[in-house]
């Protein structure tokens, strides 16, 4: 009898253990910041054109097209809402104290979110275009827009892999009709920890992992960007150029590839360390911030919004010899 009870107890414990393990694994996959996820197969931070086409009728889905008004009017994904990403002034960014690409006031961001019918429970998918000579940073604009929404309290934000270009090339449905949107008053608590000031960077220099997301030639001082006027980078910064995020066709690299790229620069096991990312004016920095937090599970990543453009006005830079 005792032996029989022992076998029964053992089987029960094994079943419970398997159920717990399966639940824990599933829960980790659902957590938007808790670890690596399948970026294209499901509703992760990067979604495929196939996923979007198959999920167009989801009740909480809001598609935001950040291309120019002209591009949007020429053809867009059905039911997508146009909120153009325009430098230096648009709903996504503003110019402040002579600095490009600064965060708008939170009330202005809330107004934009509410006007699009977005709430905290919405799943927002952002649509951008691929880079052109006229708009070389188009692919990164979606990352900056995504971070702005997350900063404002929107919990689930994704980017369409390959942008509108891939959608159209695959022959998927394109519309010229504008959808009807029911706006409402959006309010939320903003995540002030996502963006930091120059004073914060100065106070924490040497104590945090500082990443320069610009092209390597700008980091070394081989080229001088028009935003700075001087060569070099912020002292202690490590070079991690944002263009490494994408493949040659501008699709996002896999989680494993991105992990290898990041760890080759900052080492492994740093998911809980404080990281500050900067670039020229704040665009490329947002790209790595989105990848690190939303795709790779890093817990404490901040963007220095003023970036090199502000730093050189008050501080020295370092040139690689």
Protein backbone atom coordinates (compact mmCIF):
# COMPACT_ATOMS: atom_id res chain seq x y z
CA UNK A 1 0.00 0.00 0.00
CA UNK A 2 2.82 2.40 0.96
CA UNK A 3 4.66 1.59 -2.28
CA UNK A 4 1.51 2.29 -4.31
CA UNK A 5 1.00 5.63 -2.57
CA UNK A 6 4.65 6.49 -3.28
CA UNK A 7 4.17 5.89 -7.03
CA UNK A 8 0.97 7.92 -7.11
CA UNK A 9 2.59 10.81 -5.27
CA UNK A 10 5.58 10.74 -7.60
CA UNK A 11 3.37 10.86 -10.71
CA UNK A 12 1.35 13.76 -9.27
CA UNK A 13 4.51 15.71 -8.47
CA UNK A 14 5.85 15.15 -11.99
CA UNK A 15 2.62 16.39 -13.57
CA UNK A 16 2.55 19.48 -11.35
CA UNK A 17 6.18 20.18 -12.14
CA UNK A 18 5.59 19.94 -15.89
CA UNK A 19 2.55 22.19 -15.69
CA UNK A 20 4.44 24.78 -13.65
CA UNK A 21 7.39 24.75 -16.06
CA UNK A 22 5.09 25.18 -19.07
CA UNK A 23 3.23 28.03 -17.37
CA UNK A 24 6.44 29.80 -16.37
CA UNK A 25 7.81 29.55 -19.91
CA UNK A 26 4.57 30.87 -21.41
CA UNK A 27 4.44 33.71 -18.90
CA UNK A 28 8.01 34.73 -19.68
CA UNK A 29 7.11 34.87 -23.36
CA UNK A 30 4.12 37.09 -22.67
CA UNK A 31 6.14 39.58 -20.63
CA UNK A 32 7.03 42.43 -22.94
CA UNK A 33 10.20 43.26 -21.00
CA UNK A 34 10.99 39.98 -19.29
CA UNK A 35 13.13 38.25 -21.88
CA UNK A 36 13.63 37.27 -25.46
CA UNK A 37 10.60 36.55 -27.60
CA UNK A 38 9.91 35.32 -31.08
CA UNK A 39 10.06 38.68 -32.79
CA UNK A 40 8.14 37.87 -35.96
CA UNK A 41 6.04 34.77 -35.24
CA UNK A 42 3.59 36.36 -32.82
CA UNK A 43 2.52 39.68 -31.42
CA UNK A 44 6.02 40.62 -30.29
CA UNK A 45 7.86 43.94 -30.62
CA UNK A 46 8.50 43.20 -34.30
CA UNK A 47 5.57 41.77 -36.29
CA UNK A 48 5.56 40.34 -39.79
CA UNK A 49 3.37 41.42 -42.68
CA UNK A 50 1.72 38.00 -42.49
CA UNK A 51 0.88 38.43 -38.81
CA UNK A 52 -0.58 41.88 -39.41
CA UNK A 53 -2.72 40.71 -42.32
CA UNK A 54 -4.06 37.81 -40.23
CA UNK A 55 -4.85 40.02 -37.23
CA UNK A 56 -6.38 43.09 -38.88
CA UNK A 57 -9.72 42.50 -37.19
CA UNK A 58 -8.43 42.38 -33.62
CA UNK A 59 -10.55 44.69 -31.53
CA UNK A 60 -7.65 46.34 -29.71
CA UNK A 61 -5.40 46.78 -32.77
CA UNK A 62 -4.49 50.32 -33.84
CA UNK A 63 -2.25 50.77 -36.90
CA UNK A 64 -0.30 54.02 -37.05
CA UNK A 65 1.42 55.02 -40.29
CA UNK A 66 4.19 57.54 -39.57
CA UNK A 67 5.12 58.19 -43.20
CA UNK A 68 4.52 61.58 -44.77
CA UNK A 69 1.02 62.70 -45.70
CA UNK A 70 1.93 62.44 -49.39
CA UNK A 71 3.10 58.83 -49.03
CA UNK A 72 0.03 57.92 -46.98
CA UNK A 73 -2.40 59.49 -49.46
CA UNK A 74 -0.78 57.57 -52.33
CA UNK A 75 -1.59 54.27 -50.61
CA UNK A 76 -1.57 52.78 -47.12
CA UNK A 77 -2.55 49.70 -45.13
CA UNK A 78 -6.29 49.48 -44.57
CA UNK A 79 -7.54 51.12 -41.36
CA UNK A 80 -4.14 52.69 -40.65
CA UNK A 81 -4.10 56.21 -39.21
CA UNK A 82 -1.58 58.74 -40.46
CA UNK A 83 0.53 60.56 -37.85
CA UNK A 84 3.52 61.81 -39.89
CA UNK A 85 6.96 61.75 -38.31
CA UNK A 86 8.47 65.05 -39.41
CA UNK A 87 11.67 66.74 -38.21
CA UNK A 88 11.87 69.16 -36.48
CA UNK A 89 8.19 69.55 -35.53
CA UNK A 90 5.42 66.95 -35.47
CA UNK A 91 3.29 65.05 -33.00
CA UNK A 92 6.29 62.83 -32.26
CA UNK A 93 8.97 65.40 -31.55
CA UNK A 94 9.79 69.04 -31.12
CA UNK A 95 12.74 71.43 -31.03
CA UNK A 96 13.72 72.88 -27.67
CA UNK A 97 16.63 75.15 -26.67
CA UNK A 98 18.04 74.79 -30.17
CA UNK A 99 18.07 70.97 -29.93
CA UNK A 100 16.46 68.71 -32.52
CA UNK A 101 14.22 65.73 -31.79
CA UNK A 102 13.20 66.52 -28.22
CA UNK A 103 10.17 64.96 -26.56
CA UNK A 104 7.01 67.06 -26.88
CA UNK A 105 5.17 68.06 -23.73
CA UNK A 106 3.33 65.10 -22.27
CA UNK A 107 -0.06 66.80 -22.73
CA UNK A 108 0.63 67.13 -26.46
CA UNK A 109 1.58 63.45 -26.67
CA UNK A 110 -1.60 62.51 -24.80
CA UNK A 111 -3.67 64.58 -27.23
CA UNK A 112 -2.13 62.77 -30.20
CA UNK A 113 -2.68 59.34 -28.63
CA UNK A 114 -6.30 60.13 -27.77
CA UNK A 115 -7.01 61.52 -31.24
CA UNK A 116 -5.93 58.17 -32.71
CA UNK A 117 -8.31 56.22 -30.49
CA UNK A 118 -5.43 54.61 -28.60
CA UNK A 119 -5.84 53.57 -24.97
CA UNK A 120 -3.59 51.74 -22.52
CA UNK A 121 -5.01 48.40 -23.64
CA UNK A 122 -4.45 49.02 -27.34
CA UNK A 123 -1.91 47.09 -29.36
CA UNK A 124 -0.29 49.70 -31.60
CA UNK A 125 1.56 48.62 -34.74
CA UNK A 126 3.75 51.30 -36.31
CA UNK A 127 4.31 51.51 -40.06
CA UNK A 128 7.25 53.35 -41.55
CA UNK A 129 9.04 53.41 -44.90
CA UNK A 130 12.50 52.15 -45.77
CA UNK A 131 15.46 54.54 -46.04
CA UNK A 132 15.97 56.63 -49.15
CA UNK A 133 18.59 59.26 -50.02
CA UNK A 134 15.99 61.90 -49.16
CA UNK A 135 15.01 60.21 -45.88
CA UNK A 136 18.00 58.09 -44.75
CA UNK A 137 16.75 57.60 -41.19
CA UNK A 138 13.20 56.49 -42.03
CA UNK A 139 13.64 52.97 -40.66
CA UNK A 140 14.65 54.30 -37.24
CA UNK A 141 11.74 56.73 -36.95
CA UNK A 142 9.43 53.90 -35.91
CA UNK A 143 11.66 53.10 -32.93
CA UNK A 144 11.56 56.69 -31.73
CA UNK A 145 7.77 56.75 -32.18
CA UNK A 146 7.46 53.44 -30.32
CA UNK A 147 9.49 54.75 -27.38
CA UNK A 148 7.32 57.87 -27.27
CA UNK A 149 4.17 55.75 -26.95
CA UNK A 150 5.74 53.53 -24.28
CA UNK A 151 6.91 56.62 -22.40
CA UNK A 152 3.30 57.85 -22.45
CA UNK A 153 1.94 54.64 -20.96
CA UNK A 154 0.89 52.57 -23.98
CA UNK A 155 1.73 49.03 -22.91
CA UNK A 156 1.95 47.12 -26.20
CA UNK A 157 3.73 48.62 -29.17
CA UNK A 158 5.09 46.79 -32.22
CA UNK A 159 6.86 47.74 -35.44
CA UNK A 160 6.02 46.19 -38.81
CA UNK A 161 9.10 44.41 -40.13
CA UNK A 162 10.00 45.76 -43.57
CA UNK A 163 7.55 48.64 -43.24
CA UNK A 164 4.98 49.63 -45.82
CA UNK A 165 7.44 48.85 -48.62
CA UNK A 166 7.43 45.12 -47.83
CA UNK A 167 3.65 45.07 -47.41
CA UNK A 168 3.14 46.63 -50.86
CA UNK A 169 5.81 44.52 -52.57
CA UNK A 170 4.07 41.36 -51.36
CA UNK A 171 0.84 42.47 -53.05
CA UNK A 172 -1.16 42.86 -49.86
CA UNK A 173 -4.22 45.11 -49.78
CA UNK A 174 -3.48 48.83 -50.10
CA UNK A 175 -6.13 51.50 -49.58
CA UNK A 176 -6.52 55.22 -50.19
CA UNK A 177 -9.50 55.60 -47.85
CA UNK A 178 -9.06 57.21 -44.45
CA UNK A 179 -10.58 55.29 -41.53
CA UNK A 180 -13.07 56.78 -39.12
CA UNK A 181 -11.54 57.27 -35.68
CA UNK A 182 -13.37 57.77 -32.40
CA UNK A 183 -11.13 60.03 -30.29
CA UNK A 184 -11.23 60.22 -26.51
CA UNK A 185 -9.36 61.89 -23.66
CA UNK A 186 -6.19 59.94 -22.94
CA UNK A 187 -4.43 60.33 -19.60
CA UNK A 188 -1.58 58.36 -18.10
CA UNK A 189 1.52 58.51 -15.98
CA UNK A 190 4.64 58.98 -18.09
CA UNK A 191 7.80 56.94 -17.62
CA UNK A 192 10.26 59.69 -16.72
CA UNK A 193 13.09 57.16 -16.33
CA UNK A 194 13.23 56.51 -20.08
CA UNK A 195 14.82 59.85 -21.03
CA UNK A 196 17.63 61.58 -19.14
CA UNK A 197 19.27 65.00 -19.18
CA UNK A 198 22.85 66.07 -19.72
CA UNK A 199 23.21 66.70 -15.97
CA UNK A 200 22.22 63.11 -15.31
CA UNK A 201 24.82 61.82 -17.78
CA UNK A 202 27.52 64.03 -16.25
CA UNK A 203 26.69 62.86 -12.73
CA UNK A 204 26.77 59.17 -13.70
CA UNK A 205 29.67 59.17 -16.16
CA UNK A 206 31.90 56.17 -15.52
CA UNK A 207 29.28 54.45 -13.35
CA UNK A 208 26.89 53.37 -16.10
CA UNK A 209 27.30 51.65 -19.46
CA UNK A 210 27.29 54.48 -22.00
CA UNK A 211 26.55 53.58 -25.62
CA UNK A 212 27.17 55.74 -28.70
CA UNK A 213 24.67 54.63 -31.38
CA UNK A 214 26.09 56.78 -34.20
CA UNK A 215 28.06 55.43 -37.13
CA UNK A 216 31.52 54.24 -36.07
CA UNK A 217 33.23 56.98 -38.10
CA UNK A 218 31.39 59.64 -36.10
CA UNK A 219 32.36 57.91 -32.85
CA UNK A 220 36.06 57.81 -33.74
CA UNK A 221 36.14 61.36 -35.08
CA UNK A 222 36.89 60.36 -38.66
CA UNK A 223 33.82 62.33 -39.70
CA UNK A 224 32.22 65.33 -38.03
CA UNK A 225 28.45 65.44 -37.96
CA UNK A 226 26.69 68.75 -38.64
CA UNK A 227 24.85 68.42 -35.31
CA UNK A 228 28.09 68.66 -33.33
CA UNK A 229 30.72 70.52 -35.32
CA UNK A 230 33.49 68.76 -33.40
CA UNK A 231 34.93 65.23 -33.68
CA UNK A 232 34.75 62.42 -31.15
CA UNK A 233 32.45 60.94 -28.53
CA UNK A 234 31.47 61.34 -24.88
CA UNK A 235 34.17 59.95 -22.55
CA UNK A 236 33.71 56.26 -21.52
CA UNK A 237 31.20 55.64 -24.34
CA UNK A 238 31.30 52.38 -26.29
CA UNK A 239 30.48 52.30 -30.00
CA UNK A 240 27.36 50.36 -31.01
CA UNK A 241 26.18 51.73 -34.38
CA UNK A 242 22.41 51.52 -34.83
CA UNK A 243 22.57 50.32 -38.48
CA UNK A 244 23.81 46.96 -37.14
CA UNK A 245 20.24 46.30 -35.99
CA UNK A 246 19.04 45.60 -39.53
CA UNK A 247 19.86 43.21 -42.34
CA UNK A 248 20.77 44.45 -45.81
CA UNK A 249 17.08 44.51 -46.78
CA UNK A 250 16.27 46.55 -43.63
CA UNK A 251 14.51 43.66 -41.90
CA UNK A 252 15.39 43.24 -38.22
CA UNK A 253 18.11 40.78 -37.32
CA UNK A 254 17.24 37.82 -35.13
CA UNK A 255 17.32 37.96 -31.35
CA UNK A 256 20.43 35.78 -31.27
CA UNK A 257 22.25 37.98 -33.76
CA UNK A 258 21.30 41.14 -31.87
CA UNK A 259 22.41 39.60 -28.58
CA UNK A 260 25.79 38.69 -30.05
CA UNK A 261 26.26 42.22 -31.40
CA UNK A 262 25.39 43.84 -28.06
CA UNK A 263 27.42 41.45 -25.93
CA UNK A 264 30.47 41.85 -28.16
CA UNK A 265 30.50 45.52 -27.09
CA UNK A 266 29.25 45.60 -23.48
CA UNK A 267 29.85 41.99 -22.41
CA UNK A 268 27.37 39.36 -21.26
CA UNK A 269 25.22 39.31 -18.14
CA UNK A 270 24.47 43.04 -18.14
CA UNK A 271 20.70 42.86 -18.54
CA UNK A 272 20.15 44.52 -15.15
CA UNK A 273 22.89 47.15 -15.42
CA UNK A 274 22.01 50.79 -16.08
CA UNK A 275 22.60 51.70 -19.71
CA UNK A 276 22.42 55.16 -21.29
CA UNK A 277 22.26 55.42 -25.07
CA UNK A 278 22.96 58.57 -27.08
CA UNK A 279 23.60 59.45 -30.71
CA UNK A 280 23.66 62.66 -32.74
CA UNK A 281 20.26 64.10 -31.87
CA UNK A 282 18.23 61.23 -30.35
CA UNK A 283 17.04 59.07 -33.25
CA UNK A 284 19.56 56.23 -33.42
CA UNK A 285 19.66 56.16 -29.61
CA UNK A 286 15.96 55.30 -29.55
CA UNK A 287 16.60 52.41 -31.94
CA UNK A 288 18.95 50.62 -29.56
CA UNK A 289 16.82 51.55 -26.55
CA UNK A 290 13.81 49.82 -28.14
CA UNK A 291 15.83 46.77 -29.15
CA UNK A 292 17.52 46.40 -25.76
CA UNK A 293 14.35 46.72 -23.68
CA UNK A 294 11.59 45.31 -25.86
CA UNK A 295 13.51 42.58 -27.71
CA UNK A 296 16.46 41.58 -25.53
CA UNK A 297 15.07 42.03 -22.03
CA UNK A 298 17.42 44.71 -20.67
CA UNK A 299 15.79 46.27 -17.61
CA UNK A 300 17.32 49.75 -17.16
CA UNK A 301 17.93 51.50 -20.47
CA UNK A 302 17.71 55.26 -20.82
CA UNK A 303 18.02 57.67 -23.77
CA UNK A 304 20.07 60.83 -23.43
CA UNK A 305 17.73 62.96 -25.51
CA UNK A 306 20.06 65.92 -26.02
CA UNK A 307 22.74 63.50 -27.23
CA UNK A 308 25.98 64.70 -28.83
CA UNK A 309 24.29 67.82 -30.16
CA UNK A 310 23.86 69.14 -26.62
CA UNK A 311 26.94 67.57 -25.02
CA UNK A 312 29.46 69.40 -27.21
CA UNK A 313 28.02 72.78 -26.20
CA UNK A 314 29.18 72.31 -22.62
CA UNK A 315 31.63 69.40 -22.50
CA UNK A 316 34.66 67.93 -24.22
CA UNK A 317 34.70 64.86 -26.42
CA UNK A 318 37.24 62.08 -26.92
CA UNK A 319 38.80 61.20 -30.27
CA UNK A 320 40.01 57.67 -31.01
CA UNK A 321 43.68 57.72 -32.00
